[in-house]
PDB file of all heavy atoms in Angstrom:
ATOM      1  N   ILE A   1      15.331  14.847 -54.728  1.00  0.00           N
ATOM      2  CA  ILE A   1      16.550  14.143 -55.112  1.00  0.00           C
ATOM      3  C   ILE A   1      16.472  12.697 -54.639  1.00  0.00           C
ATOM      4  O   ILE A   1      16.425  12.417 -53.442  1.00  0.00           O
ATOM      5  CB  ILE A   1      17.790  14.820 -54.516  1.00  0.00           C
ATOM      6  CG1 ILE A   1      17.914  16.252 -55.060  1.00  0.00           C
ATOM      7  CG2 ILE A   1      19.052  14.029 -54.829  1.00  0.00           C
ATOM      8  CD1 ILE A   1      19.065  17.025 -54.457  1.00  0.00           C
ATOM      9  N   ALA A   2      16.430  11.755 -55.581  1.00  0.00           N
ATOM     10  CA  ALA A   2      16.416  10.318 -55.302  1.00  0.00           C
ATOM     11  C   ALA A   2      15.410   9.934 -54.220  1.00  0.00           C
ATOM     12  O   ALA A   2      15.759   9.268 -53.248  1.00  0.00           O
ATOM     13  CB  ALA A   2      17.824   9.856 -54.913  1.00  0.00           C
ATOM     14  N   PRO A   3      14.142  10.350 -54.347  1.00  0.00           N
ATOM     15  CA  PRO A   3      13.151  10.020 -53.321  1.00  0.00           C
ATOM     16  C   PRO A   3      12.816   8.533 -53.341  1.00  0.00           C
ATOM     17  O   PRO A   3      12.606   7.943 -54.404  1.00  0.00           O
ATOM     18  CB  PRO A   3      11.944  10.870 -53.717  1.00  0.00           C
ATOM     19  CG  PRO A   3      12.069  11.018 -55.191  1.00  0.00           C
ATOM     20  CD  PRO A   3      13.540  11.091 -55.475  1.00  0.00           C
ATOM     21  N   ALA A   4      12.744   7.934 -52.150  1.00  0.00           N
ATOM     22  CA  ALA A   4      12.635   6.479 -52.065  1.00  0.00           C
ATOM     23  C   ALA A   4      11.221   5.950 -52.190  1.00  0.00           C
ATOM     24  O   ALA A   4      11.032   4.779 -52.475  1.00  0.00           O
ATOM     25  CB  ALA A   4      13.239   6.010 -50.740  1.00  0.00           C
ATOM     26  N   SER A   5      10.204   6.771 -51.972  1.00  0.00           N
ATOM     27  CA  SER A   5       8.855   6.230 -51.832  1.00  0.00           C
ATOM     28  C   SER A   5       7.923   6.500 -53.007  1.00  0.00           C
ATOM     29  O   SER A   5       6.757   6.109 -52.960  1.00  0.00           O
ATOM     30  CB  SER A   5       8.213   6.791 -50.557  1.00  0.00           C
ATOM     31  OG  SER A   5       8.150   8.208 -50.614  1.00  0.00           O
ATOM     32  N   VAL A   6       8.395   7.133 -54.049  1.00  0.00           N
ATOM     33  CA  VAL A   6       7.504   7.530 -55.142  1.00  0.00           C
ATOM     34  C   VAL A   6       6.787   6.329 -55.752  1.00  0.00           C
ATOM     35  O   VAL A   6       5.574   6.347 -55.979  1.00  0.00           O
ATOM     36  CB  VAL A   6       8.283   8.292 -56.232  1.00  0.00           C
ATOM     37  CG1 VAL A   6       7.415   8.519 -57.464  1.00  0.00           C
ATOM     38  CG2 VAL A   6       8.769   9.618 -55.680  1.00  0.00           C
ATOM     39  N   ALA A   7       7.521   5.236 -56.015  1.00  0.00           N
ATOM     40  CA  ALA A   7       6.920   4.071 -56.659  1.00  0.00           C
ATOM     41  C   ALA A   7       5.927   3.354 -55.749  1.00  0.00           C
ATOM     42  O   ALA A   7       5.140   2.528 -56.225  1.00  0.00           O
ATOM     43  CB  ALA A   7       8.013   3.102 -57.102  1.00  0.00           C
ATOM     44  N   LEU A   8       5.953   3.650 -54.439  1.00  0.00           N
ATOM     45  CA  LEU A   8       5.059   3.000 -53.491  1.00  0.00           C
ATOM     46  C   LEU A   8       3.782   3.788 -53.250  1.00  0.00           C
ATOM     47  O   LEU A   8       2.848   3.271 -52.638  1.00  0.00           O
ATOM     48  CB  LEU A   8       5.782   2.788 -52.149  1.00  0.00           C
ATOM     49  CG  LEU A   8       7.091   1.992 -52.210  1.00  0.00           C
ATOM     50  CD1 LEU A   8       7.710   1.924 -50.825  1.00  0.00           C
ATOM     51  CD2 LEU A   8       6.844   0.591 -52.755  1.00  0.00           C
ATOM     52  N   LEU A   9       3.734   5.030 -53.708  1.00  0.00           N
ATOM     53  CA  LEU A   9       2.565   5.865 -53.473  1.00  0.00           C
ATOM     54  C   LEU A   9       1.414   5.461 -54.388  1.00  0.00           C
ATOM     55  O   LEU A   9       1.627   4.995 -55.504  1.00  0.00           O
ATOM     56  CB  LEU A   9       2.906   7.336 -53.697  1.00  0.00           C
ATOM     57  CG  LEU A   9       3.922   7.953 -52.731  1.00  0.00           C
ATOM     58  CD1 LEU A   9       4.241   9.379 -53.156  1.00  0.00           C
ATOM     59  CD2 LEU A   9       3.386   7.938 -51.304  1.00  0.00           C
ATOM     60  N   HIS A  10       0.196   5.654 -53.899  1.00  0.00           N
ATOM     61  CA  HIS A  10      -0.973   5.383 -54.719  1.00  0.00           C
ATOM     62  C   HIS A  10      -1.109   6.444 -55.814  1.00  0.00           C
ATOM     63  O   HIS A  10      -0.637   7.573 -55.679  1.00  0.00           O
ATOM     64  CB  HIS A  10      -2.233   5.370 -53.861  1.00  0.00           C
ATOM     65  CG  HIS A  10      -2.269   4.260 -52.867  1.00  0.00           C
ATOM     66  ND1 HIS A  10      -2.296   2.934 -53.230  1.00  0.00           N
ATOM     67  CD2 HIS A  10      -2.265   4.280 -51.505  1.00  0.00           C
ATOM     68  CE1 HIS A  10      -2.324   2.187 -52.149  1.00  0.00           C
ATOM     69  NE2 HIS A  10      -2.296   2.975 -51.090  1.00  0.00           N
ATOM     70  N   ARG A  11      -1.786   6.058 -56.885  1.00  0.00           N
ATOM     71  CA  ARG A  11      -1.989   6.973 -58.006  1.00  0.00           C
ATOM     72  C   ARG A  11      -2.666   8.261 -57.554  1.00  0.00           C
ATOM     73  O   ARG A  11      -2.301   9.352 -57.980  1.00  0.00           O
ATOM     74  CB  ARG A  11      -2.820   6.277 -59.077  1.00  0.00           C
ATOM     75  CG  ARG A  11      -3.178   7.157 -60.266  1.00  0.00           C
ATOM     76  CD  ARG A  11      -3.868   6.342 -61.329  1.00  0.00           C
ATOM     77  NE  ARG A  11      -5.049   5.672 -60.804  1.00  0.00           N
ATOM     78  CZ  ARG A  11      -5.750   4.763 -61.478  1.00  0.00           C
ATOM     79  NH1 ARG A  11      -5.360   4.395 -62.678  1.00  0.00           N
ATOM     80  NH2 ARG A  11      -6.819   4.211 -60.939  1.00  0.00           N
ATOM     81  N   GLU A  12      -3.653   8.111 -56.646  1.00  0.00           N
ATOM     82  CA  GLU A  12      -4.392   9.281 -56.174  1.00  0.00           C
ATOM     83  C   GLU A  12      -3.489  10.223 -55.385  1.00  0.00           C
ATOM     84  O   GLU A  12      -3.646  11.450 -55.443  1.00  0.00           O
ATOM     85  CB  GLU A  12      -5.578   8.850 -55.321  1.00  0.00           C
ATOM     86  CG  GLU A  12      -6.654   8.074 -56.078  1.00  0.00           C
ATOM     87  CD  GLU A  12      -6.265   6.619 -56.323  1.00  0.00           C
ATOM     88  OE1 GLU A  12      -5.254   6.168 -55.719  1.00  0.00           O
ATOM     89  OE2 GLU A  12      -6.947   5.947 -57.115  1.00  0.00           O
ATOM     90  N   GLU A  13      -2.541   9.637 -54.617  1.00  0.00           N
ATOM     91  CA  GLU A  13      -1.639  10.468 -53.822  1.00  0.00           C
ATOM     92  C   GLU A  13      -0.733  11.300 -54.727  1.00  0.00           C
ATOM     93  O   GLU A  13      -0.500  12.487 -54.484  1.00  0.00           O
ATOM     94  CB  GLU A  13      -0.802   9.588 -52.893  1.00  0.00           C
ATOM     95  CG  GLU A  13      -1.605   8.915 -51.804  1.00  0.00           C
ATOM     96  CD  GLU A  13      -0.767   7.976 -50.972  1.00  0.00           C
ATOM     97  OE1 GLU A  13      -0.123   7.073 -51.546  1.00  0.00           O
ATOM     98  OE2 GLU A  13      -0.761   8.132 -49.737  1.00  0.00           O
ATOM     99  N   LEU A  14      -0.223  10.690 -55.771  1.00  0.00           N
ATOM    100  CA  LEU A  14       0.643  11.420 -56.695  1.00  0.00           C
ATOM    101  C   LEU A  14      -0.157  12.454 -57.483  1.00  0.00           C
ATOM    102  O   LEU A  14       0.298  13.585 -57.683  1.00  0.00           O
ATOM    103  CB  LEU A  14       1.325  10.444 -57.651  1.00  0.00           C
ATOM    104  CG  LEU A  14       2.416   9.560 -57.038  1.00  0.00           C
ATOM    105  CD1 LEU A  14       2.839   8.477 -58.013  1.00  0.00           C
ATOM    106  CD2 LEU A  14       3.621  10.395 -56.617  1.00  0.00           C
ATOM    107  N   ALA A  15      -1.359  12.061 -57.900  1.00  0.00           N
ATOM    108  CA  ALA A  15      -2.170  12.970 -58.704  1.00  0.00           C
ATOM    109  C   ALA A  15      -2.619  14.193 -57.922  1.00  0.00           C
ATOM    110  O   ALA A  15      -2.958  15.224 -58.519  1.00  0.00           O
ATOM    111  CB  ALA A  15      -3.390  12.227 -59.257  1.00  0.00           C
ATOM    112  N   SER A  16      -2.615  14.090 -56.589  1.00  0.00           N
ATOM    113  CA  SER A  16      -3.070  15.218 -55.769  1.00  0.00           C
ATOM    114  C   SER A  16      -2.024  16.317 -55.639  1.00  0.00           C
ATOM    115  O   SER A  16      -2.309  17.401 -55.129  1.00  0.00           O
ATOM    116  CB  SER A  16      -3.448  14.721 -54.369  1.00  0.00           C
ATOM    117  OG  SER A  16      -2.295  14.306 -53.650  1.00  0.00           O
ATOM    118  N   ILE A  17      -0.794  16.048 -56.089  1.00  0.00           N
ATOM    119  CA  ILE A  17       0.274  17.049 -55.995  1.00  0.00           C
ATOM    120  C   ILE A  17       0.006  18.146 -57.018  1.00  0.00           C
ATOM    121  O   ILE A  17      -0.037  17.887 -58.224  1.00  0.00           O
ATOM    122  CB  ILE A  17       1.652  16.410 -56.232  1.00  0.00           C
ATOM    123  CG1 ILE A  17       1.924  15.358 -55.161  1.00  0.00           C
ATOM    124  CG2 ILE A  17       2.747  17.477 -56.239  1.00  0.00           C
ATOM    125  CD1 ILE A  17       3.192  14.561 -55.390  1.00  0.00           C
ATOM    126  N   GLY A  18      -0.181  19.360 -56.533  1.00  0.00           N
ATOM    127  CA  GLY A  18      -0.596  20.435 -57.424  1.00  0.00           C
ATOM    128  C   GLY A  18       0.453  21.491 -57.692  1.00  0.00           C
ATOM    129  O   GLY A  18       0.145  22.525 -58.289  1.00  0.00           O
ATOM    130  N   VAL A  19       1.699  21.259 -57.261  1.00  0.00           N
ATOM    131  CA  VAL A  19       2.755  22.244 -57.486  1.00  0.00           C
ATOM    132  C   VAL A  19       3.775  21.667 -58.458  1.00  0.00           C
ATOM    133  O   VAL A  19       3.862  20.447 -58.630  1.00  0.00           O
ATOM    134  CB  VAL A  19       3.444  22.635 -56.154  1.00  0.00           C
ATOM    135  CG1 VAL A  19       2.446  23.288 -55.212  1.00  0.00           C
ATOM    136  CG2 VAL A  19       4.114  21.426 -55.506  1.00  0.00           C
ATOM    137  N   PRO A  20       4.563  22.507 -59.114  1.00  0.00           N
ATOM    138  CA  PRO A  20       5.599  21.996 -60.012  1.00  0.00           C
ATOM    139  C   PRO A  20       6.613  21.141 -59.247  1.00  0.00           C
ATOM    140  O   PRO A  20       7.048  21.499 -58.158  1.00  0.00           O
ATOM    141  CB  PRO A  20       6.259  23.272 -60.550  1.00  0.00           C
ATOM    142  CG  PRO A  20       5.231  24.334 -60.377  1.00  0.00           C
ATOM    143  CD  PRO A  20       4.491  23.976 -59.125  1.00  0.00           C
ATOM    144  N   VAL A  21       6.959  19.998 -59.836  1.00  0.00           N
ATOM    145  CA  VAL A  21       7.910  19.071 -59.216  1.00  0.00           C
ATOM    146  C   VAL A  21       8.971  18.692 -60.237  1.00  0.00           C
ATOM    147  O   VAL A  21       8.657  18.423 -61.405  1.00  0.00           O
ATOM    148  CB  VAL A  21       7.218  17.793 -58.703  1.00  0.00           C
ATOM    149  CG1 VAL A  21       8.238  16.884 -58.005  1.00  0.00           C
ATOM    150  CG2 VAL A  21       6.080  18.124 -57.757  1.00  0.00           C
ATOM    151  N   ARG A  22      10.232  18.675 -59.795  1.00  0.00           N
ATOM    152  CA  ARG A  22      11.325  18.171 -60.624  1.00  0.00           C
ATOM    153  C   ARG A  22      12.074  17.129 -59.813  1.00  0.00           C
ATOM    154  O   ARG A  22      12.356  17.327 -58.627  1.00  0.00           O
ATOM    155  CB  ARG A  22      12.255  19.292 -61.074  1.00  0.00           C
ATOM    156  CG  ARG A  22      13.357  18.821 -62.054  1.00  0.00           C
ATOM    157  CD  ARG A  22      13.928  19.975 -62.824  1.00  0.00           C
ATOM    158  NE  ARG A  22      15.047  19.645 -63.682  1.00  0.00           N
ATOM    159  CZ  ARG A  22      14.958  19.086 -64.891  1.00  0.00           C
ATOM    160  NH1 ARG A  22      13.771  18.762 -65.377  1.00  0.00           N
ATOM    161  NH2 ARG A  22      16.025  18.846 -65.626  1.00  0.00           N
ATOM    162  N   PHE A  23      12.409  16.006 -60.451  1.00  0.00           N
ATOM    163  CA  PHE A  23      13.103  14.912 -59.797  1.00  0.00           C
ATOM    164  C   PHE A  23      14.526  14.782 -60.332  1.00  0.00           C
ATOM    165  O   PHE A  23      14.757  14.946 -61.535  1.00  0.00           O
ATOM    166  CB  PHE A  23      12.382  13.585 -60.045  1.00  0.00           C
ATOM    167  CG  PHE A  23      11.023  13.483 -59.413  1.00  0.00           C
ATOM    168  CD1 PHE A  23       9.902  13.941 -60.090  1.00  0.00           C
ATOM    169  CD2 PHE A  23      10.860  12.928 -58.158  1.00  0.00           C
ATOM    170  CE1 PHE A  23       8.637  13.849 -59.523  1.00  0.00           C
ATOM    171  CE2 PHE A  23       9.604  12.832 -57.578  1.00  0.00           C
ATOM    172  CZ  PHE A  23       8.490  13.289 -58.265  1.00  0.00           C
ATOM    173  N   ALA A  24      15.462  14.480 -59.425  1.00  0.00           N
ATOM    174  CA  ALA A  24      16.818  14.102 -59.819  1.00  0.00           C
ATOM    175  C   ALA A  24      16.980  12.627 -59.463  1.00  0.00           C
ATOM    176  O   ALA A  24      16.909  12.256 -58.291  1.00  0.00           O
ATOM    177  CB  ALA A  24      17.857  14.951 -59.093  1.00  0.00           C
ATOM    178  N   LEU A  25      17.160  11.775 -60.482  1.00  0.00           N
ATOM    179  CA  LEU A  25      17.239  10.331 -60.270  1.00  0.00           C
ATOM    180  C   LEU A  25      18.565   9.791 -60.784  1.00  0.00           C
ATOM    181  O   LEU A  25      19.072  10.237 -61.818  1.00  0.00           O
ATOM    182  CB  LEU A  25      16.098   9.622 -61.007  1.00  0.00           C
ATOM    183  CG  LEU A  25      14.664  10.028 -60.651  1.00  0.00           C
ATOM    184  CD1 LEU A  25      13.682   9.240 -61.506  1.00  0.00           C
ATOM    185  CD2 LEU A  25      14.386   9.817 -59.177  1.00  0.00           C
ATOM    186  N   ALA A  26      19.117   8.815 -60.050  1.00  0.00           N
ATOM    187  CA  ALA A  26      20.347   8.143 -60.450  1.00  0.00           C
ATOM    188  C   ALA A  26      19.998   6.772 -61.011  1.00  0.00           C
ATOM    189  O   ALA A  26      19.241   6.015 -60.388  1.00  0.00           O
ATOM    190  CB  ALA A  26      21.290   8.004 -59.251  1.00  0.00           C
ATOM    191  N   THR A  27      20.538   6.440 -62.165  1.00  0.00           N
ATOM    192  CA  THR A  27      20.150   5.190 -62.824  1.00  0.00           C
ATOM    193  C   THR A  27      20.576   3.955 -62.049  1.00  0.00           C
ATOM    194  O   THR A  27      19.927   2.908 -62.139  1.00  0.00           O
ATOM    195  CB  THR A  27      20.744   5.109 -64.245  1.00  0.00           C
ATOM    196  OG1 THR A  27      22.180   5.158 -64.165  1.00  0.00           O
ATOM    197  CG2 THR A  27      20.237   6.246 -65.116  1.00  0.00           C
ATOM    198  N   ASP A  28      21.666   4.037 -61.271  1.00  0.00           N
ATOM    199  CA  ASP A  28      22.181   2.874 -60.538  1.00  0.00           C
ATOM    200  C   ASP A  28      21.941   3.007 -59.039  1.00  0.00           C
ATOM    201  O   ASP A  28      22.713   2.495 -58.225  1.00  0.00           O
ATOM    202  CB  ASP A  28      23.674   2.696 -60.810  1.00  0.00           C
ATOM    203  CG  ASP A  28      23.958   2.284 -62.249  1.00  0.00           C
ATOM    204  OD1 ASP A  28      23.021   2.300 -63.078  1.00  0.00           O
ATOM    205  OD2 ASP A  28      25.111   1.941 -62.548  1.00  0.00           O
ATOM    206  N   ASP A  29      20.854   3.666 -58.669  1.00  0.00           N
ATOM    207  CA  ASP A  29      20.517   3.862 -57.255  1.00  0.00           C
ATOM    208  C   ASP A  29      20.316   2.509 -56.569  1.00  0.00           C
ATOM    209  O   ASP A  29      19.578   1.653 -57.057  1.00  0.00           O
ATOM    210  CB  ASP A  29      19.238   4.693 -57.152  1.00  0.00           C
ATOM    211  CG  ASP A  29      19.037   5.298 -55.776  1.00  0.00           C
ATOM    212  OD1 ASP A  29      19.056   4.541 -54.796  1.00  0.00           O
ATOM    213  OD2 ASP A  29      18.858   6.527 -55.692  1.00  0.00           O
ATOM    214  N   GLN A  30      20.994   2.317 -55.415  1.00  0.00           N
ATOM    215  CA  GLN A  30      20.929   1.042 -54.702  1.00  0.00           C
ATOM    216  C   GLN A  30      19.662   0.894 -53.868  1.00  0.00           C
ATOM    217  O   GLN A  30      19.335  -0.207 -53.429  1.00  0.00           O
ATOM    218  CB  GLN A  30      22.135   0.885 -53.757  1.00  0.00           C
ATOM    219  CG  GLN A  30      23.481   1.082 -54.417  1.00  0.00           C
ATOM    220  CD  GLN A  30      24.004   2.501 -54.250  1.00  0.00           C
ATOM    221  OE1 GLN A  30      23.311   3.462 -54.571  1.00  0.00           O
ATOM    222  NE2 GLN A  30      25.217   2.631 -53.740  1.00  0.00           N
ATOM    223  N   TYR A  31      18.942   1.998 -53.618  1.00  0.00           N
ATOM    224  CA  TYR A  31      17.835   1.958 -52.676  1.00  0.00           C
ATOM    225  C   TYR A  31      16.472   2.175 -53.315  1.00  0.00           C
ATOM    226  O   TYR A  31      15.452   1.900 -52.699  1.00  0.00           O
ATOM    227  CB  TYR A  31      18.044   3.015 -51.580  1.00  0.00           C
ATOM    228  CG  TYR A  31      19.319   2.786 -50.820  1.00  0.00           C
ATOM    229  CD1 TYR A  31      20.403   3.644 -50.968  1.00  0.00           C
ATOM    230  CD2 TYR A  31      19.453   1.707 -49.971  1.00  0.00           C
ATOM    231  CE1 TYR A  31      21.583   3.430 -50.276  1.00  0.00           C
ATOM    232  CE2 TYR A  31      20.627   1.480 -49.278  1.00  0.00           C
ATOM    233  CZ  TYR A  31      21.703   2.346 -49.429  1.00  0.00           C
ATOM    234  OH  TYR A  31      22.857   2.125 -48.748  1.00  0.00           O
ATOM    235  N   ILE A  32      16.424   2.699 -54.510  1.00  0.00           N
ATOM    236  CA  ILE A  32      15.147   2.823 -55.205  1.00  0.00           C
ATOM    237  C   ILE A  32      15.292   2.158 -56.566  1.00  0.00           C
ATOM    238  O   ILE A  32      16.386   2.056 -57.117  1.00  0.00           O
ATOM    239  CB  ILE A  32      14.712   4.296 -55.379  1.00  0.00           C
ATOM    240  CG1 ILE A  32      15.634   5.029 -56.359  1.00  0.00           C
ATOM    241  CG2 ILE A  32      14.682   5.022 -54.050  1.00  0.00           C
ATOM    242  CD1 ILE A  32      15.162   6.423 -56.690  1.00  0.00           C
ATOM    243  N   VAL A  33      14.188   1.647 -57.087  1.00  0.00           N
ATOM    244  CA  VAL A  33      14.211   1.033 -58.414  1.00  0.00           C
ATOM    245  C   VAL A  33      13.988   2.143 -59.439  1.00  0.00           C
ATOM    246  O   VAL A  33      12.887   2.689 -59.547  1.00  0.00           O
ATOM    247  CB  VAL A  33      13.132  -0.053 -58.539  1.00  0.00           C
ATOM    248  CG1 VAL A  33      13.184  -0.700 -59.927  1.00  0.00           C
ATOM    249  CG2 VAL A  33      13.319  -1.106 -57.446  1.00  0.00           C
ATOM    250  N   PHE A  34      15.025   2.466 -60.162  1.00  0.00           N
ATOM    251  CA  PHE A  34      14.997   3.619 -61.053  1.00  0.00           C
ATOM    252  C   PHE A  34      13.844   3.540 -62.042  1.00  0.00           C
ATOM    253  O   PHE A  34      13.066   4.494 -62.192  1.00  0.00           O
ATOM    254  CB  PHE A  34      16.329   3.732 -61.798  1.00  0.00           C
ATOM    255  CG  PHE A  34      16.309   4.717 -62.938  1.00  0.00           C
ATOM    256  CD1 PHE A  34      16.328   6.078 -62.702  1.00  0.00           C
ATOM    257  CD2 PHE A  34      16.243   4.266 -64.253  1.00  0.00           C
ATOM    258  CE1 PHE A  34      16.300   6.986 -63.741  1.00  0.00           C
ATOM    259  CE2 PHE A  34      16.217   5.167 -65.303  1.00  0.00           C
ATOM    260  CZ  PHE A  34      16.245   6.528 -65.047  1.00  0.00           C
ATOM    261  N   ARG A  35      13.685   2.405 -62.733  1.00  0.00           N
ATOM    262  CA  ARG A  35      12.666   2.318 -63.784  1.00  0.00           C
ATOM    263  C   ARG A  35      11.257   2.407 -63.219  1.00  0.00           C
ATOM    264  O   ARG A  35      10.373   3.028 -63.827  1.00  0.00           O
ATOM    265  CB  ARG A  35      12.855   1.020 -64.576  1.00  0.00           C
ATOM    266  CG  ARG A  35      14.161   0.998 -65.385  1.00  0.00           C
ATOM    267  CD  ARG A  35      14.211  -0.167 -66.355  1.00  0.00           C
ATOM    268  NE  ARG A  35      15.462  -0.179 -67.093  1.00  0.00           N
ATOM    269  CZ  ARG A  35      15.719   0.588 -68.148  1.00  0.00           C
ATOM    270  NH1 ARG A  35      14.790   1.430 -68.569  1.00  0.00           N
ATOM    271  NH2 ARG A  35      16.881   0.516 -68.757  1.00  0.00           N
ATOM    272  N   LYS A  36      10.999   1.784 -62.061  1.00  0.00           N
ATOM    273  CA  LYS A  36       9.669   1.863 -61.452  1.00  0.00           C
ATOM    274  C   LYS A  36       9.361   3.287 -60.994  1.00  0.00           C
ATOM    275  O   LYS A  36       8.231   3.761 -61.132  1.00  0.00           O
ATOM    276  CB  LYS A  36       9.575   0.895 -60.275  1.00  0.00           C
ATOM    277  CG  LYS A  36       9.468  -0.562 -60.684  1.00  0.00           C
ATOM    278  CD  LYS A  36       9.220  -1.444 -59.470  1.00  0.00           C
ATOM    279  CE  LYS A  36       9.031  -2.891 -59.895  1.00  0.00           C
ATOM    280  NZ  LYS A  36       8.773  -3.771 -58.722  1.00  0.00           N
ATOM    281  N   THR A  37      10.370   3.954 -60.444  1.00  0.00           N
ATOM    282  CA  THR A  37      10.169   5.333 -60.007  1.00  0.00           C
ATOM    283  C   THR A  37       9.879   6.234 -61.201  1.00  0.00           C
ATOM    284  O   THR A  37       8.946   7.049 -61.182  1.00  0.00           O
ATOM    285  CB  THR A  37      11.412   5.843 -59.252  1.00  0.00           C
ATOM    286  OG1 THR A  37      11.641   5.012 -58.110  1.00  0.00           O
ATOM    287  CG2 THR A  37      11.221   7.282 -58.801  1.00  0.00           C
TER     288      THR A  37
END
């Protein structure tokens, strides 16, 4: 739910995630950039 660091992770770090993931994102989040995330 609204994770703050996704856009800062390296491609390899994200690609290494091997389990199903679902994200809940808010379009007007003050702390993460929605479009970059």
